[in-house]
Amino acid sequence: MTHQINIEGIKLYAYHGCLEEEARIGANYIVDVYMTTDFTEAALTDDLTKTLDYCTVYDISKAEMAIRSKLIEQVCDRIYKRIRSEFKTLKTLEVKVTKLLPPMNGDVASTSVVIKD
């Protein structure tokens, strides 16, 4: 059996981007994580150690977002690899990093990257 756990809308402020201003001023980001696993035992026993801990996913996302990168592609890859490494029972993983109001020559609400298997 497969179950899905979603952690959506992790709101973080970070300093990613190729422009010097982005390194100084920063921007708002959203991280979404979608995971499939089998949490049958956790559902039966009410035991956190038998499922994927949401707080760990949040802590990983926050820690990796705090490391400056020029590209959100790199940030997303780091988050993906750390979550994949932390939870051996993952069947599938999808990580999305969205940058709100990116500095572009136009009115753009957001840009995002996704890594999934």
PDB file of N, CA and C in Angstrom:
ATOM      1  N   MET A   1       0.837  -1.178   0.000  1.00  0.00           N
ATOM      2  CA  MET A   1       0.000   0.000   0.000  1.00  0.00           C
ATOM      3  C   MET A   1       0.885   1.245   0.000  1.00  0.00           C
ATOM      4  N   THR A   2       0.437   2.263  -0.680  1.00  0.00           N
ATOM      5  CA  THR A   2       1.180   3.524  -0.744  1.00  0.00           C
ATOM      6  C   THR A   2       0.327   4.640  -0.169  1.00  0.00           C
ATOM      7  N   HIS A   3       0.960   5.492   0.618  1.00  0.00           N
ATOM      8  CA  HIS A   3       0.298   6.652   1.206  1.00  0.00           C
ATOM      9  C   HIS A   3       1.090   7.899   0.840  1.00  0.00           C
ATOM     10  N   GLN A   4       0.403   9.024   0.769  1.00  0.00           N
ATOM     11  CA  GLN A   4       1.074  10.279   0.438  1.00  0.00           C
ATOM     12  C   GLN A   4       1.050  11.224   1.624  1.00  0.00           C
ATOM     13  N   ILE A   5       2.175  11.879   1.845  1.00  0.00           N
ATOM     14  CA  ILE A   5       2.305  12.928   2.852  1.00  0.00           C
ATOM     15  C   ILE A   5       2.767  14.183   2.126  1.00  0.00           C
ATOM     16  N   ASN A   6       2.023  15.258   2.272  1.00  0.00           N
ATOM     17  CA  ASN A   6       2.353  16.522   1.614  1.00  0.00           C
ATOM     18  C   ASN A   6       2.642  17.584   2.664  1.00  0.00           C
ATOM     19  N   ILE A   7       3.686  18.326   2.443  1.00  0.00           N
ATOM     20  CA  ILE A   7       3.986  19.485   3.283  1.00  0.00           C
ATOM     21  C   ILE A   7       4.064  20.659   2.314  1.00  0.00           C
ATOM     22  N   GLU A   8       3.031  21.483   2.340  1.00  0.00           N
ATOM     23  CA  GLU A   8       2.904  22.541   1.355  1.00  0.00           C
ATOM     24  C   GLU A   8       2.984  23.913   2.009  1.00  0.00           C
ATOM     25  N   GLY A   9       3.574  24.838   1.281  1.00  0.00           N
ATOM     26  CA  GLY A   9       3.595  26.222   1.733  1.00  0.00           C
ATOM     27  C   GLY A   9       4.577  26.525   2.842  1.00  0.00           C
ATOM     28  N   ILE A  10       5.749  25.880   2.808  1.00  0.00           N
ATOM     29  CA  ILE A  10       6.801  26.235   3.768  1.00  0.00           C
ATOM     30  C   ILE A  10       7.319  27.611   3.346  1.00  0.00           C
ATOM     31  N   LYS A  11       6.991  28.640   4.095  1.00  0.00           N
ATOM     32  CA  LYS A  11       7.346  30.017   3.738  1.00  0.00           C
ATOM     33  C   LYS A  11       8.658  30.388   4.397  1.00  0.00           C
ATOM     34  N   LEU A  12       9.630  30.779   3.567  1.00  0.00           N
ATOM     35  CA  LEU A  12      10.960  31.121   4.057  1.00  0.00           C
ATOM     36  C   LEU A  12      11.476  32.370   3.350  1.00  0.00           C
ATOM     37  N   TYR A  13      12.300  33.105   4.036  1.00  0.00           N
ATOM     38  CA  TYR A  13      12.969  34.274   3.452  1.00  0.00           C
ATOM     39  C   TYR A  13      14.420  33.883   3.241  1.00  0.00           C
ATOM     40  N   ALA A  14      14.938  34.110   2.032  1.00  0.00           N
ATOM     41  CA  ALA A  14      16.308  33.682   1.723  1.00  0.00           C
ATOM     42  C   ALA A  14      16.951  34.643   0.729  1.00  0.00           C
ATOM     43  N   TYR A  15      18.212  34.392   0.447  1.00  0.00           N
ATOM     44  CA  TYR A  15      19.039  35.330  -0.327  1.00  0.00           C
ATOM     45  C   TYR A  15      19.631  34.677  -1.565  1.00  0.00           C
ATOM     46  N   HIS A  16      18.794  34.055  -2.383  1.00  0.00           N
ATOM     47  CA  HIS A  16      19.253  33.382  -3.594  1.00  0.00           C
ATOM     48  C   HIS A  16      19.074  34.288  -4.799  1.00  0.00           C
ATOM     49  N   GLY A  17      19.929  34.117  -5.779  1.00  0.00           N
ATOM     50  CA  GLY A  17      19.803  34.851  -7.025  1.00  0.00           C
ATOM     51  C   GLY A  17      21.148  35.266  -7.563  1.00  0.00           C
ATOM     52  N   CYS A  18      21.169  35.580  -8.842  1.00  0.00           N
ATOM     53  CA  CYS A  18      22.412  35.955  -9.523  1.00  0.00           C
ATOM     54  C   CYS A  18      22.764  37.428  -9.328  1.00  0.00           C
ATOM     55  N   LEU A  19      21.810  38.240  -8.955  1.00  0.00           N
ATOM     56  CA  LEU A  19      22.054  39.672  -8.795  1.00  0.00           C
ATOM     57  C   LEU A  19      22.584  39.987  -7.397  1.00  0.00           C
ATOM     58  N   GLU A  20      23.478  40.964  -7.323  1.00  0.00           N
ATOM     59  CA  GLU A  20      24.023  41.391  -6.025  1.00  0.00           C
ATOM     60  C   GLU A  20      22.918  41.857  -5.077  1.00  0.00           C
ATOM     61  N   GLU A  21      21.908  42.529  -5.636  1.00  0.00           N
ATOM     62  CA  GLU A  21      20.804  43.019  -4.815  1.00  0.00           C
ATOM     63  C   GLU A  21      20.074  41.865  -4.119  1.00  0.00           C
ATOM     64  N   GLU A  22      19.962  40.736  -4.806  1.00  0.00           N
ATOM     65  CA  GLU A  22      19.276  39.582  -4.225  1.00  0.00           C
ATOM     66  C   GLU A  22      20.054  39.031  -3.031  1.00  0.00           C
ATOM     67  N   ALA A  23      21.369  39.127  -3.091  1.00  0.00           N
ATOM     68  CA  ALA A  23      22.209  38.660  -1.982  1.00  0.00           C
ATOM     69  C   ALA A  23      22.046  39.563  -0.761  1.00  0.00           C
ATOM     70  N   ARG A  24      21.783  40.856  -0.992  1.00  0.00           N
ATOM     71  CA  ARG A  24      21.632  41.800   0.114  1.00  0.00           C
ATOM     72  C   ARG A  24      20.196  41.900   0.610  1.00  0.00           C
ATOM     73  N   ILE A  25      19.257  41.969  -0.311  1.00  0.00           N
ATOM     74  CA  ILE A  25      17.862  42.233   0.040  1.00  0.00           C
ATOM     75  C   ILE A  25      17.094  40.949   0.356  1.00  0.00           C
ATOM     76  N   GLY A  26      17.327  39.911  -0.408  1.00  0.00           N
ATOM     77  CA  GLY A  26      16.606  38.659  -0.220  1.00  0.00           C
ATOM     78  C   GLY A  26      15.218  38.683  -0.830  1.00  0.00           C
ATOM     79  N   ALA A  27      14.504  37.572  -0.662  1.00  0.00           N
ATOM     80  CA  ALA A  27      13.163  37.443  -1.233  1.00  0.00           C
ATOM     81  C   ALA A  27      12.393  36.356  -0.486  1.00  0.00           C
ATOM     82  N   ASN A  28      11.107  36.322  -0.755  1.00  0.00           N
ATOM     83  CA  ASN A  28      10.243  35.293  -0.178  1.00  0.00           C
ATOM     84  C   ASN A  28      10.208  34.064  -1.080  1.00  0.00           C
ATOM     85  N   TYR A  29      10.227  32.902  -0.446  1.00  0.00           N
ATOM     86  CA  TYR A  29      10.201  31.619  -1.146  1.00  0.00           C
ATOM     87  C   TYR A  29       9.168  30.713  -0.505  1.00  0.00           C
ATOM     88  N   ILE A  30       8.713  29.757  -1.286  1.00  0.00           N
ATOM     89  CA  ILE A  30       7.825  28.714  -0.781  1.00  0.00           C
ATOM     90  C   ILE A  30       8.396  27.364  -1.202  1.00  0.00           C
ATOM     91  N   VAL A  31       8.452  26.440  -0.257  1.00  0.00           N
ATOM     92  CA  VAL A  31       8.898  25.077  -0.544  1.00  0.00           C
ATOM     93  C   VAL A  31       7.707  24.154  -0.323  1.00  0.00           C
ATOM     94  N   ASP A  32       7.480  23.275  -1.297  1.00  0.00           N
ATOM     95  CA  ASP A  32       6.443  22.251  -1.192  1.00  0.00           C
ATOM     96  C   ASP A  32       7.116  20.892  -1.340  1.00  0.00           C
ATOM     97  N   VAL A  33       6.722  19.950  -0.491  1.00  0.00           N
ATOM     98  CA  VAL A  33       7.314  18.611  -0.517  1.00  0.00           C
ATOM     99  C   VAL A  33       6.183  17.588  -0.550  1.00  0.00           C
ATOM    100  N   TYR A  34       6.274  16.663  -1.516  1.00  0.00           N
ATOM    101  CA  TYR A  34       5.286  15.600  -1.684  1.00  0.00           C
ATOM    102  C   TYR A  34       6.011  14.265  -1.600  1.00  0.00           C
ATOM    103  N   MET A  35       5.562  13.406  -0.674  1.00  0.00           N
ATOM    104  CA  MET A  35       6.250  12.143  -0.435  1.00  0.00           C
ATOM    105  C   MET A  35       5.249  11.001  -0.428  1.00  0.00           C
ATOM    106  N   THR A  36       5.640   9.877  -1.006  1.00  0.00           N
ATOM    107  CA  THR A  36       4.839   8.668  -0.854  1.00  0.00           C
ATOM    108  C   THR A  36       5.659   7.640  -0.090  1.00  0.00           C
ATOM    109  N   THR A  37       4.940   6.900   0.740  1.00  0.00           N
ATOM    110  CA  THR A  37       5.542   5.896   1.607  1.00  0.00           C
ATOM    111  C   THR A  37       4.439   4.935   2.006  1.00  0.00           C
ATOM    112  N   ASP A  38       4.729   4.025   2.886  1.00  0.00           N
ATOM    113  CA  ASP A  38       3.705   3.160   3.474  1.00  0.00           C
ATOM    114  C   ASP A  38       3.672   3.469   4.969  1.00  0.00           C
ATOM    115  N   PHE A  39       2.631   4.171   5.401  1.00  0.00           N
ATOM    116  CA  PHE A  39       2.533   4.487   6.830  1.00  0.00           C
ATOM    117  C   PHE A  39       1.442   3.672   7.533  1.00  0.00           C
ATOM    118  N   THR A  40       1.200   2.483   7.011  1.00  0.00           N
ATOM    119  CA  THR A  40       0.206   1.594   7.620  1.00  0.00           C
ATOM    120  C   THR A  40       0.494   1.357   9.098  1.00  0.00           C
ATOM    121  N   GLU A  41       1.739   1.021   9.420  1.00  0.00           N
ATOM    122  CA  GLU A  41       2.103   0.735  10.813  1.00  0.00           C
ATOM    123  C   GLU A  41       1.917   1.964  11.700  1.00  0.00           C
ATOM    124  N   ALA A  42       2.263   3.135  11.198  1.00  0.00           N
ATOM    125  CA  ALA A  42       2.074   4.363  11.975  1.00  0.00           C
ATOM    126  C   ALA A  42       0.593   4.614  12.243  1.00  0.00           C
ATOM    127  N   ALA A  43      -0.237   4.359  11.237  1.00  0.00           N
ATOM    128  CA  ALA A  43      -1.681   4.556  11.406  1.00  0.00           C
ATOM    129  C   ALA A  43      -2.259   3.585  12.442  1.00  0.00           C
ATOM    130  N   LEU A  44      -1.725   2.388  12.485  1.00  0.00           N
ATOM    131  CA  LEU A  44      -2.211   1.382  13.442  1.00  0.00           C
ATOM    132  C   LEU A  44      -1.709   1.621  14.861  1.00  0.00           C
ATOM    133  N   THR A  45      -0.468   2.093  14.978  1.00  0.00           N
ATOM    134  CA  THR A  45       0.165   2.206  16.297  1.00  0.00           C
ATOM    135  C   THR A  45       0.198   3.624  16.858  1.00  0.00           C
ATOM    136  N   ASP A  46      -0.075   4.626  16.005  1.00  0.00           N
ATOM    137  CA  ASP A  46      -0.004   6.030  16.418  1.00  0.00           C
ATOM    138  C   ASP A  46       1.413   6.385  16.865  1.00  0.00           C
ATOM    139  N   ASP A  47       2.409   5.841  16.148  1.00  0.00           N
ATOM    140  CA  ASP A  47       3.822   5.986  16.497  1.00  0.00           C
ATOM    141  C   ASP A  47       4.543   6.824  15.443  1.00  0.00           C
ATOM    142  N   LEU A  48       5.026   7.990  15.852  1.00  0.00           N
ATOM    143  CA  LEU A  48       5.707   8.915  14.941  1.00  0.00           C
ATOM    144  C   LEU A  48       6.932   8.283  14.271  1.00  0.00           C
ATOM    145  N   THR A  49       7.599   7.393  14.953  1.00  0.00           N
ATOM    146  CA  THR A  49       8.809   6.790  14.380  1.00  0.00           C
ATOM    147  C   THR A  49       8.501   5.844  13.222  1.00  0.00           C
ATOM    148  N   LYS A  50       7.241   5.563  12.984  1.00  0.00           N
ATOM    149  CA  LYS A  50       6.836   4.658  11.898  1.00  0.00           C
ATOM    150  C   LYS A  50       6.362   5.406  10.658  1.00  0.00           C
ATOM    151  N   THR A  51       6.592   6.718  10.648  1.00  0.00           N
ATOM    152  CA  THR A  51       6.182   7.522   9.498  1.00  0.00           C
ATOM    153  C   THR A  51       7.261   8.566   9.210  1.00  0.00           C
ATOM    154  N   LEU A  52       6.954   9.520   8.338  1.00  0.00           N
ATOM    155  CA  LEU A  52       7.884  10.587   7.975  1.00  0.00           C
ATOM    156  C   LEU A  52       7.587  11.807   8.843  1.00  0.00           C
ATOM    157  N   ASP A  53       8.563  12.269   9.563  1.00  0.00           N
ATOM    158  CA  ASP A  53       8.386  13.384  10.501  1.00  0.00           C
ATOM    159  C   ASP A  53       8.348  14.708   9.748  1.00  0.00           C
ATOM    160  N   TYR A  54       7.207  15.391   9.807  1.00  0.00           N
ATOM    161  CA  TYR A  54       7.036  16.675   9.107  1.00  0.00           C
ATOM    162  C   TYR A  54       8.040  17.706   9.567  1.00  0.00           C
ATOM    163  N   CYS A  55       8.330  17.707  10.864  1.00  0.00           N
ATOM    164  CA  CYS A  55       9.264  18.696  11.419  1.00  0.00           C
ATOM    165  C   CYS A  55      10.664  18.526  10.837  1.00  0.00           C
ATOM    166  N   THR A  56      11.070  17.304  10.596  1.00  0.00           N
ATOM    167  CA  THR A  56      12.377  17.057   9.987  1.00  0.00           C
ATOM    168  C   THR A  56      12.418  17.609   8.568  1.00  0.00           C
ATOM    169  N   VAL A  57      11.347  17.417   7.822  1.00  0.00           N
ATOM    170  CA  VAL A  57      11.272  17.954   6.458  1.00  0.00           C
ATOM    171  C   VAL A  57      11.361  19.480   6.486  1.00  0.00           C
ATOM    172  N   TYR A  58      10.639  20.093   7.416  1.00  0.00           N
ATOM    173  CA  TYR A  58      10.701  21.554   7.568  1.00  0.00           C
ATOM    174  C   TYR A  58      12.122  22.000   7.921  1.00  0.00           C
ATOM    175  N   ASP A  59      12.741  21.336   8.882  1.00  0.00           N
ATOM    176  CA  ASP A  59      14.091  21.714   9.311  1.00  0.00           C
ATOM    177  C   ASP A  59      15.106  21.584   8.184  1.00  0.00           C
ATOM    178  N   ILE A  60      14.995  20.535   7.383  1.00  0.00           N
ATOM    179  CA  ILE A  60      15.886  20.359   6.229  1.00  0.00           C
ATOM    180  C   ILE A  60      15.676  21.492   5.232  1.00  0.00           C
ATOM    181  N   SER A  61      14.424  21.779   4.927  1.00  0.00           N
ATOM    182  CA  SER A  61      14.110  22.855   3.970  1.00  0.00           C
ATOM    183  C   SER A  61      14.653  24.194   4.454  1.00  0.00           C
ATOM    184  N   LYS A  62      14.440  24.495   5.721  1.00  0.00           N
ATOM    185  CA  LYS A  62      14.908  25.755   6.297  1.00  0.00           C
ATOM    186  C   LYS A  62      16.435  25.847   6.271  1.00  0.00           C
ATOM    187  N   ALA A  63      17.110  24.777   6.639  1.00  0.00           N
ATOM    188  CA  ALA A  63      18.579  24.775   6.673  1.00  0.00           C
ATOM    189  C   ALA A  63      19.171  24.956   5.278  1.00  0.00           C
ATOM    190  N   GLU A  64      18.626  24.270   4.300  1.00  0.00           N
ATOM    191  CA  GLU A  64      19.168  24.374   2.938  1.00  0.00           C
ATOM    192  C   GLU A  64      18.832  25.716   2.296  1.00  0.00           C
ATOM    193  N   MET A  65      17.676  26.277   2.623  1.00  0.00           N
ATOM    194  CA  MET A  65      17.329  27.596   2.096  1.00  0.00           C
ATOM    195  C   MET A  65      18.224  28.677   2.689  1.00  0.00           C
ATOM    196  N   ALA A  66      18.802  28.443   3.849  1.00  0.00           N
ATOM    197  CA  ALA A  66      19.673  29.424   4.504  1.00  0.00           C
ATOM    198  C   ALA A  66      21.062  29.480   3.874  1.00  0.00           C
ATOM    199  N   ILE A  67      21.399  28.519   3.034  1.00  0.00           N
ATOM    200  CA  ILE A  67      22.697  28.499   2.344  1.00  0.00           C
ATOM    201  C   ILE A  67      22.529  29.199   1.009  1.00  0.00           C
ATOM    202  N   ARG A  68      23.196  30.318   0.839  1.00  0.00           N
ATOM    203  CA  ARG A  68      23.037  31.121  -0.374  1.00  0.00           C
ATOM    204  C   ARG A  68      23.480  30.373  -1.624  1.00  0.00           C
ATOM    205  N   SER A  69      22.668  30.485  -2.663  1.00  0.00           N
ATOM    206  CA  SER A  69      22.975  29.961  -3.987  1.00  0.00           C
ATOM    207  C   SER A  69      22.524  30.976  -5.023  1.00  0.00           C
ATOM    208  N   LYS A  70      23.155  30.952  -6.160  1.00  0.00           N
ATOM    209  CA  LYS A  70      22.696  31.802  -7.258  1.00  0.00           C
ATOM    210  C   LYS A  70      21.416  31.245  -7.868  1.00  0.00           C
ATOM    211  N   LEU A  71      21.309  29.918  -7.914  1.00  0.00           N
ATOM    212  CA  LEU A  71      20.190  29.273  -8.592  1.00  0.00           C
ATOM    213  C   LEU A  71      19.308  28.494  -7.616  1.00  0.00           C
ATOM    214  N   ILE A  72      17.983  28.653  -7.772  1.00  0.00           N
ATOM    215  CA  ILE A  72      17.090  27.856  -6.944  1.00  0.00           C
ATOM    216  C   ILE A  72      17.144  26.386  -7.360  1.00  0.00           C
ATOM    217  N   GLU A  73      17.643  26.115  -8.536  1.00  0.00           N
ATOM    218  CA  GLU A  73      17.842  24.731  -8.955  1.00  0.00           C
ATOM    219  C   GLU A  73      18.790  24.013  -7.997  1.00  0.00           C
ATOM    220  N   GLN A  74      19.847  24.704  -7.581  1.00  0.00           N
ATOM    221  CA  GLN A  74      20.803  24.113  -6.652  1.00  0.00           C
ATOM    222  C   GLN A  74      20.176  23.914  -5.272  1.00  0.00           C
ATOM    223  N   VAL A  75      19.410  24.889  -4.830  1.00  0.00           N
ATOM    224  CA  VAL A  75      18.752  24.791  -3.527  1.00  0.00           C
ATOM    225  C   VAL A  75      17.775  23.614  -3.520  1.00  0.00           C
ATOM    226  N   CYS A  76      16.980  23.505  -4.549  1.00  0.00           N
ATOM    227  CA  CYS A  76      16.005  22.426  -4.659  1.00  0.00           C
ATOM    228  C   CYS A  76      16.704  21.065  -4.646  1.00  0.00           C
ATOM    229  N   ASP A  77      17.803  20.965  -5.356  1.00  0.00           N
ATOM    230  CA  ASP A  77      18.567  19.716  -5.405  1.00  0.00           C
ATOM    231  C   ASP A  77      19.097  19.333  -4.027  1.00  0.00           C
ATOM    232  N   ARG A  78      19.591  20.309  -3.277  1.00  0.00           N
ATOM    233  CA  ARG A  78      20.092  20.031  -1.924  1.00  0.00           C
ATOM    234  C   ARG A  78      18.968  19.540  -1.003  1.00  0.00           C
ATOM    235  N   ILE A  79      17.823  20.207  -1.069  1.00  0.00           N
ATOM    236  CA  ILE A  79      16.686  19.797  -0.236  1.00  0.00           C
ATOM    237  C   ILE A  79      16.267  18.375  -0.608  1.00  0.00           C
ATOM    238  N   TYR A  80      16.139  18.123  -1.905  1.00  0.00           N
ATOM    239  CA  TYR A  80      15.739  16.799  -2.381  1.00  0.00           C
ATOM    240  C   TYR A  80      16.697  15.715  -1.866  1.00  0.00           C
ATOM    241  N   LYS A  81      17.989  15.938  -2.032  1.00  0.00           N
ATOM    242  CA  LYS A  81      18.981  14.926  -1.634  1.00  0.00           C
ATOM    243  C   LYS A  81      18.979  14.684  -0.126  1.00  0.00           C
ATOM    244  N   ARG A  82      18.829  15.735   0.662  1.00  0.00           N
ATOM    245  CA  ARG A  82      18.818  15.555   2.127  1.00  0.00           C
ATOM    246  C   ARG A  82      17.574  14.826   2.611  1.00  0.00           C
ATOM    247  N   ILE A  83      16.421  15.143   2.041  1.00  0.00           N
ATOM    248  CA  ILE A  83      15.199  14.433   2.427  1.00  0.00           C
ATOM    249  C   ILE A  83      15.296  12.973   2.004  1.00  0.00           C
ATOM    250  N   ARG A  84      15.759  12.736   0.803  1.00  0.00           N
ATOM    251  CA  ARG A  84      15.914  11.365   0.289  1.00  0.00           C
ATOM    252  C   ARG A  84      16.854  10.570   1.196  1.00  0.00           C
ATOM    253  N   SER A  85      17.914  11.206   1.647  1.00  0.00           N
ATOM    254  CA  SER A  85      18.896  10.556   2.515  1.00  0.00           C
ATOM    255  C   SER A  85      18.341  10.295   3.918  1.00  0.00           C
ATOM    256  N   GLU A  86      17.533  11.205   4.419  1.00  0.00           N
ATOM    257  CA  GLU A  86      16.997  11.109   5.777  1.00  0.00           C
ATOM    258  C   GLU A  86      15.946  10.005   5.925  1.00  0.00           C
ATOM    259  N   PHE A  87      15.114   9.838   4.914  1.00  0.00           N
ATOM    260  CA  PHE A  87      13.981   8.910   5.003  1.00  0.00           C
ATOM    261  C   PHE A  87      14.163   7.749   4.028  1.00  0.00           C
ATOM    262  N   LYS A  88      14.605   6.636   4.531  1.00  0.00           N
ATOM    263  CA  LYS A  88      14.888   5.465   3.698  1.00  0.00           C
ATOM    264  C   LYS A  88      13.613   4.791   3.191  1.00  0.00           C
ATOM    265  N   THR A  89      12.467   5.057   3.824  1.00  0.00           N
ATOM    266  CA  THR A  89      11.223   4.400   3.430  1.00  0.00           C
ATOM    267  C   THR A  89      10.458   5.155   2.342  1.00  0.00           C
ATOM    268  N   LEU A  90      11.013   6.245   1.838  1.00  0.00           N
ATOM    269  CA  LEU A  90      10.346   6.994   0.775  1.00  0.00           C
ATOM    270  C   LEU A  90      10.225   6.139  -0.478  1.00  0.00           C
ATOM    271  N   LYS A  91       9.042   6.157  -1.052  1.00  0.00           N
ATOM    272  CA  LYS A  91       8.858   5.503  -2.350  1.00  0.00           C
ATOM    273  C   LYS A  91       9.069   6.517  -3.469  1.00  0.00           C
ATOM    274  N   THR A  92       8.464   7.681  -3.327  1.00  0.00           N
ATOM    275  CA  THR A  92       8.690   8.771  -4.273  1.00  0.00           C
ATOM    276  C   THR A  92       8.824  10.073  -3.494  1.00  0.00           C
ATOM    277  N   LEU A  93       9.497  11.019  -4.137  1.00  0.00           N
ATOM    278  CA  LEU A  93       9.713  12.332  -3.532  1.00  0.00           C
ATOM    279  C   LEU A  93       9.627  13.392  -4.608  1.00  0.00           C
ATOM    280  N   GLU A  94       8.938  14.470  -4.288  1.00  0.00           N
ATOM    281  CA  GLU A  94       8.881  15.646  -5.156  1.00  0.00           C
ATOM    282  C   GLU A  94       9.124  16.871  -4.298  1.00  0.00           C
ATOM    283  N   VAL A  95      10.064  17.717  -4.733  1.00  0.00           N
ATOM    284  CA  VAL A  95      10.365  18.965  -4.033  1.00  0.00           C
ATOM    285  C   VAL A  95      10.200  20.108  -5.036  1.00  0.00           C
ATOM    286  N   LYS A  96       9.467  21.128  -4.616  1.00  0.00           N
ATOM    287  CA  LYS A  96       9.249  22.320  -5.444  1.00  0.00           C
ATOM    288  C   LYS A  96       9.702  23.540  -4.659  1.00  0.00           C
ATOM    289  N   VAL A  97      10.545  24.367  -5.274  1.00  0.00           N
ATOM    290  CA  VAL A  97      10.980  25.623  -4.677  1.00  0.00           C
ATOM    291  C   VAL A  97      10.470  26.750  -5.569  1.00  0.00           C
ATOM    292  N   THR A  98       9.727  27.666  -4.963  1.00  0.00           N
ATOM    293  CA  THR A  98       9.135  28.787  -5.688  1.00  0.00           C
ATOM    294  C   THR A  98       9.705  30.094  -5.157  1.00  0.00           C
ATOM    295  N   LYS A  99      10.131  30.938  -6.066  1.00  0.00           N
ATOM    296  CA  LYS A  99      10.601  32.285  -5.717  1.00  0.00           C
ATOM    297  C   LYS A  99       9.483  33.263  -6.069  1.00  0.00           C
ATOM    298  N   LEU A 100       9.006  33.999  -5.068  1.00  0.00           N
ATOM    299  CA  LEU A 100       7.928  34.956  -5.288  1.00  0.00           C
ATOM    300  C   LEU A 100       8.483  36.285  -5.794  1.00  0.00           C
ATOM    301  N   LEU A 101       7.779  36.875  -6.720  1.00  0.00           N
ATOM    302  CA  LEU A 101       8.127  38.183  -7.292  1.00  0.00           C
ATOM    303  C   LEU A 101       9.606  38.269  -7.693  1.00  0.00           C
ATOM    304  N   PRO A 102      10.043  37.417  -8.601  1.00  0.00           N
ATOM    305  CA  PRO A 102      11.449  37.452  -9.024  1.00  0.00           C
ATOM    306  C   PRO A 102      11.756  38.747  -9.768  1.00  0.00           C
ATOM    307  N   PRO A 103      12.988  39.258  -9.609  1.00  0.00           N
ATOM    308  CA  PRO A 103      13.348  40.492 -10.312  1.00  0.00           C
ATOM    309  C   PRO A 103      13.579  40.213 -11.794  1.00  0.00           C
ATOM    310  N   MET A 104      12.565  40.513 -12.580  1.00  0.00           N
ATOM    311  CA  MET A 104      12.630  40.273 -14.025  1.00  0.00           C
ATOM    312  C   MET A 104      12.136  41.518 -14.742  1.00  0.00           C
ATOM    313  N   ASN A 105      12.347  41.548 -16.022  1.00  0.00           N
ATOM    314  CA  ASN A 105      11.870  42.678 -16.833  1.00  0.00           C
ATOM    315  C   ASN A 105      10.416  42.466 -17.230  1.00  0.00           C
ATOM    316  N   GLY A 106       9.569  42.288 -16.232  1.00  0.00           N
ATOM    317  CA  GLY A 106       8.153  42.076 -16.482  1.00  0.00           C
ATOM    318  C   GLY A 106       7.440  41.751 -15.188  1.00  0.00           C
ATOM    319  N   ASP A 107       6.131  41.694 -15.271  1.00  0.00           N
ATOM    320  CA  ASP A 107       5.288  41.412 -14.110  1.00  0.00           C
ATOM    321  C   ASP A 107       5.120  39.902 -13.992  1.00  0.00           C
ATOM    322  N   VAL A 108       5.932  39.289 -13.126  1.00  0.00           N
ATOM    323  CA  VAL A 108       5.915  37.836 -12.949  1.00  0.00           C
ATOM    324  C   VAL A 108       5.651  37.530 -11.475  1.00  0.00           C
ATOM    325  N   ALA A 109       4.633  36.744 -11.196  1.00  0.00           N
ATOM    326  CA  ALA A 109       4.258  36.426  -9.816  1.00  0.00           C
ATOM    327  C   ALA A 109       5.275  35.513  -9.147  1.00  0.00           C
ATOM    328  N   SER A 110       5.789  34.524  -9.891  1.00  0.00           N
ATOM    329  CA  SER A 110       6.723  33.590  -9.297  1.00  0.00           C
ATOM    330  C   SER A 110       7.435  32.778 -10.365  1.00  0.00           C
ATOM    331  N   THR A 111       8.542  32.196  -9.952  1.00  0.00           N
ATOM    332  CA  THR A 111       9.231  31.184 -10.755  1.00  0.00           C
ATOM    333  C   THR A 111       9.445  29.989  -9.838  1.00  0.00           C
ATOM    334  N   SER A 112       9.494  28.796 -10.411  1.00  0.00           N
ATOM    335  CA  SER A 112       9.686  27.627  -9.571  1.00  0.00           C
ATOM    336  C   SER A 112      10.435  26.548 -10.323  1.00  0.00           C
ATOM    337  N   VAL A 113      11.037  25.658  -9.540  1.00  0.00           N
ATOM    338  CA  VAL A 113      11.689  24.471 -10.069  1.00  0.00           C
ATOM    339  C   VAL A 113      11.179  23.268  -9.285  1.00  0.00           C
ATOM    340  N   VAL A 114      11.174  22.122  -9.939  1.00  0.00           N
ATOM    341  CA  VAL A 114      10.680  20.898  -9.327  1.00  0.00           C
ATOM    342  C   VAL A 114      11.654  19.768  -9.623  1.00  0.00           C
ATOM    343  N   ILE A 115      11.941  18.989  -8.588  1.00  0.00           N
ATOM    344  CA  ILE A 115      12.686  17.744  -8.759  1.00  0.00           C
ATOM    345  C   ILE A 115      11.806  16.632  -8.214  1.00  0.00           C
ATOM    346  N   LYS A 116      11.604  15.589  -9.016  1.00  0.00           N
ATOM    347  CA  LYS A 116      10.781  14.479  -8.552  1.00  0.00           C
ATOM    348  C   LYS A 116      11.245  13.186  -9.189  1.00  0.00           C
ATOM    349  N   ASP A 117      10.881  12.106  -8.526  1.00  0.00           N
ATOM    350  CA  ASP A 117      11.157  10.802  -9.125  1.00  0.00           C
ATOM    351  C   ASP A 117       9.874  10.018  -9.251  1.00  0.00           C
TER     352      ASP A 117
END
